Amino acid sequence: MELAPKKLPDHPGVYIFRGANRAILYVGKATSLRTRVASYFRRDLISTRGPIIVGMVLAAKKVDFIKTDSVLEALILEAHLIKKYQPPYNTKEKDNKSFNYVVITKEEFPRVITMRARELENSSLKIKYSFGPFPQGGALRDALSIVRKIFPFRDTCTPNKGKPCFNAQIGLCPGVCTGAISRSEYAKMITRIKLFFEGKKRILIRRLEHEMKQKASLMKFEEAARIKSMIFSLSHIQDVALLKADFEQKLAGNESFRIEAYDVAHISGTNTVGVMVVVENNQPQKNQYRKFKIRTSRNDDNASLYEILSRRFAHSEWPAPKLVVVDGGTAQVNTAEKAFREWGIAVPVLGVVKDEHHRPRNILGKKEIIEAHGNAVLLANSEAHRFAIAYHRDTRGKEMRTGRKS
């Protein structure tokens, strides 16, 4: 393998994992290319980057990179490359419909907003431009707040209302609401934002320099000074928020032993639901519990389990488990293991077998894992069963009250 993290620069940019025949497997952004790529070769990769990415690293043959001037530009380049090449492990790691986009509406004074892919597909808005996909919603919001300080824009206010909106008062809206900016001048601002999100910063700076000189020659020195400030900000992007987010993501890799347990509940195939519960260091993490209303086969526990796992592992923003526990015997364990093999996930699976009174009778799986984590496994399984039954009762109760079938 031509994987040599030590040769990468300590600089923001985008890294590209390639497989056989130089096929692009995965694209990511980094504050430090050297540090981020090196993190893929740590022994605890499964806990720091997730089981899907383990499969990607095993399939990779080479890592390429592209340096950028800032983390913000790395974020934008990452989105451009994901859209262009649709790398398989980017889409495996996150549900396509969960990706985020920057949208510019088709209006007299266009709005600049963010939307998820599923919202974009079902929206009645007239869209002029959209940029993405961006894998991380939080990073995109931070990025857009940085861009907005350089190029103020409208998002929610009503044009020419007369009263300044809150963002206009703090300099983040150019005064669309008060009529302080003309349609043509605002169109220029939108064009600047468009060029920036297209990754054309150098072209944008050249255009701004030309505009600045024009304004100065016409003795419009105040306007020339504003443009000069834009040029300076573009040349010295202060993406502290993005650096902080990247640092926090690294810290998240130092997590404790995370167990995820899954269970399915229904009555004769009706109101079928599933749940995920989390136990870390023998403590339930109830704020991380998740509910799933089954959409596919409702009278097949294995099919329901497969659906739950596929939906769960589409969420790369959730911490990766070090152990998965399923309620059931060999069939359920096999279902989970087969799914993980298909998705390139490397995470051990245990199954909790119950007796006729639904009490734990046996745990299936690797003996050393059971010996080390047996009590936590039983706790997680018990919590999953309790949570699933409660969710099922709630769903069934709502159906009885409304008369609508789930």
Protein backbone atom coordinates (compact mmCIF):
# COMPACT_ATOMS: atom_id res chain seq x y z
CA MET A 1 0.00 0.00 0.00
CA GLU A 2 1.19 3.53 -0.82
CA LEU A 3 -0.14 4.87 2.46
CA ALA A 4 2.42 7.14 4.09
CA PRO A 5 0.77 9.65 6.48
CA LYS A 6 4.15 11.06 7.55
CA LYS A 7 4.61 12.53 4.05
CA LEU A 8 1.42 14.59 4.28
CA PRO A 9 1.64 18.30 5.24
CA ASP A 10 0.48 19.71 8.56
CA HIS A 11 -1.98 21.89 6.67
CA PRO A 12 -5.74 22.13 6.00
CA GLY A 13 -7.05 20.28 2.99
CA VAL A 14 -8.92 17.32 1.58
CA TYR A 15 -7.68 13.72 1.60
CA ILE A 16 -8.79 11.03 -0.83
CA PHE A 17 -8.59 7.30 -0.14
CA ARG A 18 -8.25 5.33 -3.39
CA GLY A 19 -8.77 1.64 -3.98
CA ALA A 20 -7.96 -0.64 -6.90
CA ASN A 21 -7.51 1.12 -10.25
CA ARG A 22 -7.39 4.47 -8.40
CA ALA A 23 -11.11 4.31 -7.67
CA ILE A 24 -12.10 6.96 -5.12
CA LEU A 25 -13.37 5.23 -1.98
CA TYR A 26 -13.69 8.12 0.47
CA VAL A 27 -13.19 11.89 0.66
CA GLY A 28 -12.67 13.82 3.89
CA LYS A 29 -11.57 17.26 5.08
CA ALA A 30 -8.90 17.99 7.65
CA THR A 31 -7.49 20.80 9.75
CA SER A 32 -4.16 18.97 9.52
CA LEU A 33 -3.85 16.47 6.69
CA ARG A 34 -0.95 14.72 8.41
CA THR A 35 -2.76 14.27 11.74
CA ARG A 36 -6.14 13.32 10.31
CA VAL A 37 -4.85 10.70 7.86
CA ALA A 38 -2.56 9.25 10.54
CA SER A 39 -5.66 8.71 12.72
CA TYR A 40 -6.88 6.08 10.22
CA PHE A 41 -3.91 3.87 11.08
CA ARG A 42 -4.40 3.76 14.84
CA ARG A 43 -5.25 0.47 16.51
CA ASP A 44 -8.47 1.92 17.93
CA LEU A 45 -9.78 2.96 14.50
CA ILE A 46 -13.14 1.28 15.09
CA SER A 47 -13.87 3.56 18.05
CA THR A 48 -12.47 6.76 16.58
CA ARG A 49 -13.82 6.60 13.03
CA GLY A 50 -16.42 3.84 12.99
CA PRO A 51 -16.70 0.27 11.70
CA ILE A 52 -17.64 1.22 8.14
CA ILE A 53 -14.40 3.17 7.79
CA VAL A 54 -12.42 0.13 8.96
CA GLY A 55 -13.58 -1.65 5.81
CA MET A 56 -12.60 1.34 3.69
CA VAL A 57 -9.06 1.47 5.08
CA LEU A 58 -8.63 -2.26 4.45
CA ALA A 59 -9.69 -1.74 0.82
CA ALA A 60 -7.52 1.36 0.26
CA LYS A 61 -4.33 1.30 -1.81
CA LYS A 62 -3.32 4.95 -1.74
CA VAL A 63 -4.08 8.32 -0.14
CA ASP A 64 -4.01 11.52 -2.20
CA PHE A 65 -4.50 15.03 -0.87
CA ILE A 66 -5.24 18.60 -1.94
CA LYS A 67 -4.06 21.48 0.26
CA THR A 68 -6.38 24.45 0.86
CA ASP A 69 -5.83 27.89 2.37
CA SER A 70 -8.30 27.25 5.21
CA VAL A 71 -10.51 24.63 6.83
CA LEU A 72 -13.54 26.45 5.40
CA GLU A 73 -12.26 25.93 1.86
CA ALA A 74 -11.48 22.30 2.68
CA LEU A 75 -15.12 21.87 3.72
CA ILE A 76 -16.34 23.31 0.43
CA LEU A 77 -13.88 21.26 -1.65
CA GLU A 78 -14.91 18.10 0.23
CA ALA A 79 -18.55 18.72 -0.73
CA HIS A 80 -17.60 19.37 -4.37
CA LEU A 81 -15.62 16.13 -4.63
CA ILE A 82 -18.32 14.06 -2.93
CA LYS A 83 -20.89 15.41 -5.39
CA LYS A 84 -18.61 14.82 -8.38
CA TYR A 85 -17.37 11.31 -7.55
CA GLN A 86 -20.01 9.97 -5.09
CA PRO A 87 -17.44 7.86 -3.18
CA PRO A 88 -19.05 4.63 -1.92
CA TYR A 89 -17.81 4.91 1.66
CA ASN A 90 -19.09 8.48 2.05
CA THR A 91 -22.58 7.27 1.19
CA LYS A 92 -22.19 4.12 3.30
CA GLU A 93 -21.11 6.19 6.27
CA LYS A 94 -24.13 8.52 6.05
CA ASP A 95 -27.63 8.31 4.61
CA ASN A 96 -27.72 10.40 1.40
CA LYS A 97 -30.92 12.08 2.55
CA SER A 98 -29.17 13.31 5.71
CA PHE A 99 -26.58 15.29 3.75
CA ASN A 100 -26.82 19.08 4.01
CA TYR A 101 -26.92 21.68 1.26
CA VAL A 102 -26.55 25.43 0.96
CA VAL A 103 -29.50 26.71 -1.05
CA ILE A 104 -29.96 30.08 -2.78
CA THR A 105 -33.59 30.71 -3.61
CA LYS A 106 -34.94 32.13 -6.86
CA GLU A 107 -36.49 35.38 -5.64
CA GLU A 108 -36.12 39.10 -6.23
CA PHE A 109 -33.90 39.18 -3.14
CA PRO A 110 -32.70 35.55 -2.86
CA ARG A 111 -32.39 33.90 0.53
CA VAL A 112 -29.37 31.82 1.54
CA ILE A 113 -30.41 28.89 3.71
CA THR A 114 -29.38 25.33 4.58
CA MET A 115 -31.52 22.27 3.87
CA ARG A 116 -31.20 18.52 4.20
CA ALA A 117 -31.41 16.47 1.02
CA ARG A 118 -34.80 15.03 1.98
CA GLU A 119 -36.14 18.56 2.53
CA LEU A 120 -34.69 19.72 -0.77
CA GLU A 121 -36.36 16.86 -2.64
CA ASN A 122 -39.79 17.66 -1.20
CA SER A 123 -39.54 21.44 -1.14
CA SER A 124 -41.87 23.71 -3.11
CA LEU A 125 -39.25 26.48 -3.01
CA LYS A 126 -37.89 27.79 -6.28
CA ILE A 127 -34.16 27.08 -6.13
CA LYS A 128 -31.61 29.11 -8.07
CA TYR A 129 -28.44 27.40 -6.81
CA SER A 130 -27.61 24.60 -4.41
CA PHE A 131 -24.19 23.57 -3.10
CA GLY A 132 -23.29 20.30 -1.41
CA PRO A 133 -23.55 17.65 -0.17
CA PHE A 134 -21.97 18.59 3.16
CA PRO A 135 -21.67 15.55 5.48
CA GLN A 136 -21.63 17.52 8.76
CA GLY A 137 -24.49 19.89 9.49
CA GLY A 138 -22.78 21.58 12.44
CA ALA A 139 -19.63 22.33 10.44
CA LEU A 140 -21.74 23.73 7.59
CA ARG A 141 -23.60 26.09 9.93
CA ASP A 142 -20.27 27.31 11.30
CA ALA A 143 -18.98 27.75 7.75
CA LEU A 144 -22.02 29.72 6.66
CA SER A 145 -21.72 32.04 9.66
CA ILE A 146 -18.12 32.77 8.61
CA VAL A 147 -19.18 33.45 5.01
CA ARG A 148 -22.02 35.69 6.22
CA LYS A 149 -19.62 37.96 8.09
CA ILE A 150 -17.80 38.55 4.80
CA PHE A 151 -20.86 38.61 2.52
CA PRO A 152 -24.04 39.53 4.46
CA PHE A 153 -27.20 37.96 3.06
CA ARG A 154 -30.93 37.59 3.65
CA ASP A 155 -32.34 34.39 5.14
CA THR A 156 -35.71 35.08 6.79
CA CYS A 157 -36.53 38.79 6.70
CA THR A 158 -39.14 40.40 4.44
CA PRO A 159 -37.74 42.73 1.74
CA ASN A 160 -38.50 46.45 2.08
CA LYS A 161 -40.50 46.00 5.27
CA GLY A 162 -39.04 49.19 6.67
CA LYS A 163 -37.99 47.87 10.04
CA PRO A 164 -34.48 46.34 10.26
CA CYS A 165 -34.36 42.66 11.15
CA PHE A 166 -32.10 41.45 13.94
CA ASN A 167 -29.40 40.31 11.49
CA ALA A 168 -29.42 43.74 9.82
CA GLN A 169 -28.84 45.32 13.23
CA ILE A 170 -25.71 43.20 13.78
CA GLY A 171 -24.41 43.51 10.21
CA LEU A 172 -25.29 40.03 8.92
CA CYS A 173 -28.09 41.20 6.58
CA PRO A 174 -27.19 43.98 4.12
CA GLY A 175 -30.50 45.79 4.75
CA VAL A 176 -32.83 43.97 2.39
CA CYS A 177 -35.56 44.49 4.98
CA THR A 178 -35.10 48.28 5.13
CA GLY A 179 -34.44 48.89 1.43
CA ALA A 180 -30.85 49.89 2.20
CA ILE A 181 -29.51 47.79 -0.68
CA SER A 182 -30.71 47.75 -4.28
CA ARG A 183 -31.66 44.61 -6.15
CA SER A 184 -28.60 44.92 -8.43
CA GLU A 185 -26.17 45.41 -5.52
CA TYR A 186 -27.68 42.47 -3.66
CA ALA A 187 -27.37 40.35 -6.82
CA LYS A 188 -23.63 41.08 -6.74
CA MET A 189 -23.48 39.78 -3.15
CA ILE A 190 -25.25 36.58 -4.18
CA THR A 191 -22.81 36.12 -7.08
CA ARG A 192 -19.90 36.45 -4.63
CA ILE A 193 -21.40 33.80 -2.36
CA LYS A 194 -22.00 31.56 -5.37
CA LEU A 195 -18.39 31.86 -6.53
CA PHE A 196 -17.11 31.12 -3.05
CA PHE A 197 -19.20 27.96 -2.66
CA GLU A 198 -18.09 26.88 -6.13
CA GLY A 199 -14.52 26.96 -4.81
CA LYS A 200 -13.53 29.88 -7.03
CA LYS A 201 -11.93 32.08 -4.39
CA ARG A 202 -9.10 33.32 -6.59
CA ILE A 203 -11.53 34.39 -9.34
CA LEU A 204 -13.68 36.08 -6.70
CA ILE A 205 -10.72 38.01 -5.28
CA ARG A 206 -9.68 39.18 -8.77
CA ARG A 207 -13.21 40.44 -9.42
CA LEU A 208 -13.33 42.24 -6.10
CA GLU A 209 -9.95 43.87 -6.74
CA HIS A 210 -11.27 45.11 -10.09
CA GLU A 211 -14.43 46.48 -8.43
CA MET A 212 -12.38 48.16 -5.71
CA LYS A 213 -10.25 49.98 -8.29
CA GLN A 214 -13.37 51.08 -10.17
CA LYS A 215 -14.94 52.48 -7.00
CA ALA A 216 -11.71 54.29 -6.10
CA SER A 217 -11.43 55.82 -9.59
CA LEU A 218 -14.99 57.15 -9.19
CA MET A 219 -13.97 58.54 -5.79
CA LYS A 220 -16.41 56.21 -3.99
CA PHE A 221 -13.88 55.58 -1.28
CA GLU A 222 -16.29 54.23 1.34
CA GLU A 223 -17.52 51.52 -1.04
CA ALA A 224 -13.92 50.79 -2.11
CA ALA A 225 -12.98 50.37 1.55
CA ARG A 226 -15.82 47.88 2.10
CA ILE A 227 -14.63 45.80 -0.84
CA LYS A 228 -11.05 45.99 0.41
CA SER A 229 -12.27 44.60 3.74
CA MET A 230 -13.94 41.69 1.88
CA ILE A 231 -10.69 40.93 0.06
CA PHE A 232 -8.73 40.97 3.31
CA SER A 233 -11.27 38.67 5.01
CA LEU A 234 -11.16 36.22 2.11
CA SER A 235 -7.37 36.20 2.19
CA HIS A 236 -7.28 35.70 5.97
CA ILE A 237 -10.26 33.49 6.71
CA GLN A 238 -10.74 33.14 10.45
CA ASP A 239 -12.31 29.69 10.70
CA VAL A 240 -11.82 29.28 14.45
CA ALA A 241 -15.23 27.63 14.84
CA LEU A 242 -14.32 24.97 12.29
CA LEU A 243 -10.96 24.37 13.94
CA LYS A 244 -12.76 23.93 17.27
CA ALA A 245 -15.24 21.47 15.73
CA ASP A 246 -12.40 19.47 14.23
CA PHE A 247 -10.62 19.37 17.59
CA GLU A 248 -13.80 18.22 19.36
CA GLN A 249 -14.20 15.47 16.79
CA LYS A 250 -10.71 14.21 17.68
CA LEU A 251 -11.55 14.29 21.39
CA ALA A 252 -14.63 12.19 20.68
CA GLY A 253 -12.28 9.39 19.64
CA ASN A 254 -11.17 9.00 23.28
CA GLU A 255 -14.52 7.45 24.23
CA SER A 256 -15.24 4.69 26.70
CA PHE A 257 -16.40 1.16 25.84
CA ARG A 258 -19.69 1.67 24.01
CA ILE A 259 -22.22 -1.15 23.79
CA GLU A 260 -25.28 -0.80 21.57
CA ALA A 261 -28.21 -3.19 22.10
CA TYR A 262 -31.14 -3.69 19.73
CA ASP A 263 -34.62 -5.15 20.15
CA VAL A 264 -37.82 -5.45 18.12
CA ALA A 265 -41.37 -5.36 19.49
CA HIS A 266 -44.75 -6.09 17.87
CA ILE A 267 -47.97 -8.08 18.27
CA SER A 268 -48.52 -10.50 15.39
CA GLY A 269 -46.68 -8.17 13.05
CA THR A 270 -48.67 -5.05 13.94
CA ASN A 271 -47.21 -1.76 15.24
CA THR A 272 -43.70 -3.15 14.69
CA VAL A 273 -41.02 -0.98 16.23
CA GLY A 274 -37.33 -1.30 17.05
CA VAL A 275 -34.95 0.43 19.42
CA MET A 276 -31.29 1.03 20.07
CA VAL A 277 -29.96 1.61 23.59
CA VAL A 278 -26.45 2.57 24.66
CA VAL A 279 -24.46 1.45 27.69
CA GLU A 280 -21.02 2.90 28.43
CA ASN A 281 -18.94 1.77 31.40
CA ASN A 282 -21.94 -0.14 32.80
CA GLN A 283 -24.10 3.01 32.71
CA PRO A 284 -27.16 3.47 30.44
CA GLN A 285 -26.83 6.60 28.28
CA LYS A 286 -30.53 7.37 27.93
CA ASN A 287 -30.00 10.56 25.95
CA GLN A 288 -28.52 8.37 23.20
CA TYR A 289 -31.40 5.87 22.99
CA ARG A 290 -33.10 5.80 19.58
CA LYS A 291 -36.48 4.60 18.26
CA PHE A 292 -37.22 3.12 14.83
CA LYS A 293 -40.68 2.60 13.36
CA ILE A 294 -40.28 -0.37 11.01
CA ARG A 295 -41.01 0.47 7.38
CA THR A 296 -40.42 -2.89 5.66
CA SER A 297 -41.37 -6.45 6.67
CA ARG A 298 -43.26 -6.09 9.95
CA ASN A 299 -43.73 -9.77 10.76
CA ASP A 300 -40.10 -10.82 10.37
CA ASP A 301 -37.84 -10.04 13.31
CA ASN A 302 -34.66 -10.63 11.30
CA ALA A 303 -35.77 -8.33 8.48
CA SER A 304 -36.74 -5.71 11.06
CA LEU A 305 -33.34 -6.03 12.75
CA TYR A 306 -31.59 -5.61 9.39
CA GLU A 307 -33.60 -2.44 8.72
CA ILE A 308 -32.80 -0.99 12.15
CA LEU A 309 -29.07 -1.64 11.75
CA SER A 310 -28.98 -0.21 8.23
CA ARG A 311 -30.70 2.98 9.40
CA ARG A 312 -28.52 3.26 12.49
CA PHE A 313 -25.22 2.84 10.63
CA ALA A 314 -26.23 5.51 8.13
CA HIS A 315 -25.58 7.97 10.99
CA SER A 316 -21.83 8.56 10.99
CA GLU A 317 -22.35 11.44 13.41
CA TRP A 318 -23.29 8.94 16.16
CA PRO A 319 -20.31 7.44 18.04
CA ALA A 320 -19.31 4.00 16.81
CA PRO A 321 -20.00 0.97 19.04
CA LYS A 322 -17.29 -1.39 20.19
CA LEU A 323 -19.86 -4.14 20.73
CA VAL A 324 -23.36 -4.83 19.37
CA VAL A 325 -25.91 -6.88 21.33
CA VAL A 326 -29.04 -8.35 19.69
CA ASP A 327 -32.02 -9.93 21.39
CA GLY A 328 -32.25 -13.51 20.11
CA GLY A 329 -30.25 -16.52 19.12
CA THR A 330 -28.17 -17.67 16.20
CA ALA A 331 -30.53 -16.29 13.54
CA GLN A 332 -30.37 -12.73 14.89
CA VAL A 333 -26.60 -12.86 15.39
CA ASN A 334 -26.16 -14.16 11.85
CA THR A 335 -28.40 -11.38 10.48
CA ALA A 336 -26.29 -8.70 12.14
CA GLU A 337 -22.96 -10.27 11.19
CA LYS A 338 -24.09 -10.78 7.57
CA ALA A 339 -25.19 -7.13 7.35
CA PHE A 340 -21.90 -5.91 8.80
CA ARG A 341 -19.93 -8.01 6.29
CA GLU A 342 -21.94 -6.47 3.45
CA TRP A 343 -21.26 -2.95 4.71
CA GLY A 344 -17.60 -3.51 5.55
CA ILE A 345 -18.19 -3.04 9.28
CA ALA A 346 -15.87 -4.72 11.79
CA VAL A 347 -17.67 -4.90 15.14
CA PRO A 348 -18.33 -8.00 17.29
CA VAL A 349 -21.94 -9.18 17.82
CA LEU A 350 -23.39 -11.00 20.83
CA GLY A 351 -26.86 -12.54 21.09
CA VAL A 352 -28.87 -12.88 24.29
CA VAL A 353 -31.01 -16.04 24.25
CA LYS A 354 -34.13 -16.00 26.47
CA ASP A 355 -36.16 -18.74 28.14
CA GLU A 356 -39.97 -19.13 27.98
CA HIS A 357 -40.33 -16.40 30.63
CA HIS A 358 -38.15 -14.06 28.59
CA ARG A 359 -35.29 -14.29 31.08
CA PRO A 360 -31.67 -14.49 29.82
CA ARG A 361 -30.63 -18.12 29.41
CA ASN A 362 -27.41 -17.83 27.42
CA ILE A 363 -25.17 -15.35 25.61
CA LEU A 364 -23.89 -16.29 22.15
CA GLY A 365 -20.57 -14.94 20.89
CA LYS A 366 -16.88 -14.80 21.66
CA LYS A 367 -16.16 -16.19 25.10
CA GLU A 368 -13.52 -13.59 25.99
CA ILE A 369 -15.91 -10.71 25.21
CA ILE A 370 -18.70 -12.32 27.27
CA GLU A 371 -16.34 -12.81 30.21
CA ALA A 372 -15.14 -9.21 30.05
CA HIS A 373 -18.49 -7.50 29.49
CA GLY A 374 -21.19 -10.01 30.46
CA ASN A 375 -22.90 -7.84 33.08
CA ALA A 376 -22.98 -4.79 30.81
CA VAL A 377 -24.34 -6.93 27.96
CA LEU A 378 -27.23 -8.17 30.11
CA LEU A 379 -27.92 -4.63 31.29
CA ALA A 380 -27.99 -3.33 27.72
CA ASN A 381 -30.25 -6.18 26.59
CA SER A 382 -32.63 -5.59 29.51
CA GLU A 383 -32.77 -1.85 28.74
CA ALA A 384 -33.42 -2.56 25.05
CA HIS A 385 -36.32 -4.89 25.89
CA ARG A 386 -37.84 -2.40 28.36
CA PHE A 387 -37.46 0.52 25.93
CA ALA A 388 -38.88 -1.47 22.99
CA ILE A 389 -41.97 -2.59 24.95
CA ALA A 390 -42.61 0.97 26.15
CA TYR A 391 -42.29 2.34 22.61
CA HIS A 392 -44.57 -0.39 21.23
CA ARG A 393 -47.24 0.33 23.85
CA ASP A 394 -47.04 4.03 23.08
CA THR A 395 -47.39 3.37 19.33
CA ARG A 396 -50.31 0.97 19.87
CA GLY A 397 -51.99 3.45 22.22
CA LYS A 398 -51.76 6.23 19.64
CA GLU A 399 -53.35 3.96 17.02
CA MET A 400 -56.22 3.12 19.34
CA ARG A 401 -56.78 6.82 20.12
CA THR A 402 -56.58 8.06 16.53
CA GLY A 403 -57.85 5.01 14.66
CA ARG A 404 -54.87 5.22 12.31
CA LYS A 405 -52.79 2.12 11.67
CA SER A 406 -49.03 2.35 12.06
